[in-house]
Amino acid sequence: MEPFLIMRISSSPLVLFLTLLAMTLILHVVFVWLWPLRDVTLKYVDYVWLSVAAIGAFAASAKGGQFIAANQLNRFHMTFCVATSKVFAP
């Protein structure tokens, strides 16, 4: 097993949830208590995190498309092999 800080964050739902919880608490302390942001700055921050979320959604949909395409390719390959073995069988 890999050390905790080296393993992928998305390797388990529990690690992913704990990372989200820790980042939420850290950013709350930083941006609410230590360095409060003005209203205009919060609008800019909204644009940044919405852009990052959109990129993440596009990446996830592309990953799903790759998964579907790979499975379709395997299925069609097996169908082709079965069909050709019946046609060219002695």
Protein backbone atom coordinates (compact mmCIF):
# COMPACT_ATOMS: atom_id res chain seq x y z
CA MET A 1 0.00 0.00 0.00
CA GLU A 2 1.23 3.46 -0.85
CA PRO A 3 1.86 6.08 1.84
CA PHE A 4 -1.21 8.19 2.59
CA LEU A 5 0.03 11.42 1.01
CA ILE A 6 1.24 9.71 -2.17
CA MET A 7 -1.87 7.66 -2.99
CA ARG A 8 -4.41 9.03 -5.45
CA ILE A 9 -7.10 11.15 -3.81
CA SER A 10 -9.81 9.50 -5.88
CA SER A 11 -8.74 5.97 -4.93
CA SER A 12 -11.56 5.58 -2.41
CA PRO A 13 -14.74 7.50 -1.60
CA LEU A 14 -13.70 7.91 2.05
CA VAL A 15 -10.37 9.53 1.14
CA LEU A 16 -12.12 11.76 -1.36
CA PHE A 17 -14.71 12.84 1.22
CA LEU A 18 -12.08 13.48 3.90
CA THR A 19 -10.06 15.56 1.43
CA LEU A 20 -13.15 17.62 0.60
CA LEU A 21 -13.91 18.12 4.30
CA ALA A 22 -10.33 19.13 5.12
CA MET A 23 -10.09 21.57 2.20
CA THR A 24 -13.45 23.11 3.14
CA LEU A 25 -12.32 23.69 6.73
CA ILE A 26 -8.92 25.06 5.71
CA LEU A 27 -10.35 27.44 3.10
CA HIS A 28 -13.08 28.57 5.52
CA VAL A 29 -10.49 29.50 8.13
CA VAL A 30 -8.30 31.28 5.57
CA PHE A 31 -10.97 33.19 3.65
CA VAL A 32 -13.43 33.93 6.46
CA TRP A 33 -11.30 34.54 9.52
CA LEU A 34 -7.71 35.24 8.47
CA TRP A 35 -8.15 37.02 5.13
CA PRO A 36 -11.76 38.07 4.56
CA LEU A 37 -12.61 38.79 0.93
CA ARG A 38 -14.68 41.70 -0.35
CA ASP A 39 -17.85 41.22 -2.38
CA VAL A 40 -16.16 42.03 -5.68
CA THR A 41 -13.34 39.59 -4.97
CA LEU A 42 -15.87 36.87 -4.14
CA LYS A 43 -17.43 37.37 -7.59
CA TYR A 44 -14.04 36.78 -9.22
CA VAL A 45 -13.53 33.69 -7.07
CA ASP A 46 -16.94 32.42 -8.26
CA TYR A 47 -15.86 32.76 -11.88
CA VAL A 48 -12.64 30.86 -11.18
CA TRP A 49 -14.21 27.91 -9.37
CA LEU A 50 -17.07 27.66 -11.86
CA SER A 51 -14.51 27.51 -14.68
CA VAL A 52 -12.56 24.79 -12.88
CA ALA A 53 -15.79 22.85 -12.24
CA ALA A 54 -16.73 23.10 -15.93
CA ILE A 55 -13.32 21.76 -16.97
CA GLY A 56 -13.77 18.89 -14.50
CA ALA A 57 -17.22 18.09 -15.91
CA PHE A 58 -15.84 18.07 -19.47
CA ALA A 59 -12.99 15.80 -18.41
CA ALA A 60 -15.37 13.39 -16.68
CA SER A 61 -17.63 13.20 -19.71
CA ALA A 62 -14.64 12.58 -21.98
CA LYS A 63 -13.47 9.79 -19.69
CA GLY A 64 -16.94 8.23 -19.86
CA GLY A 65 -16.89 8.47 -23.64
CA GLN A 66 -13.52 6.71 -23.78
CA PHE A 67 -14.83 3.93 -21.52
CA ILE A 68 -17.91 3.42 -23.71
CA ALA A 69 -15.86 3.46 -26.93
CA ALA A 70 -13.37 0.91 -25.59
CA ASN A 71 -16.16 -1.45 -24.53
CA GLN A 72 -17.93 -1.10 -27.88
CA LEU A 73 -14.69 -1.84 -29.70
CA ASN A 74 -14.18 -5.02 -27.66
CA ARG A 75 -17.77 -6.11 -28.24
CA PHE A 76 -17.58 -5.52 -31.99
CA HIS A 77 -14.24 -7.31 -32.15
CA MET A 78 -15.71 -10.38 -30.44
CA THR A 79 -18.73 -10.29 -32.75
CA PHE A 80 -16.43 -10.05 -35.78
CA CYS A 81 -14.32 -12.97 -34.56
CA VAL A 82 -17.38 -15.16 -34.01
CA ALA A 83 -18.88 -14.22 -37.37
CA THR A 84 -15.68 -14.85 -39.31
CA SER A 85 -15.03 -18.15 -37.55
CA LYS A 86 -18.45 -19.39 -38.65
CA VAL A 87 -17.95 -18.22 -42.23
CA PHE A 88 -14.42 -19.56 -42.67
CA ALA A 89 -14.87 -22.72 -40.60
CA PRO A 90 -13.77 -25.88 -42.45
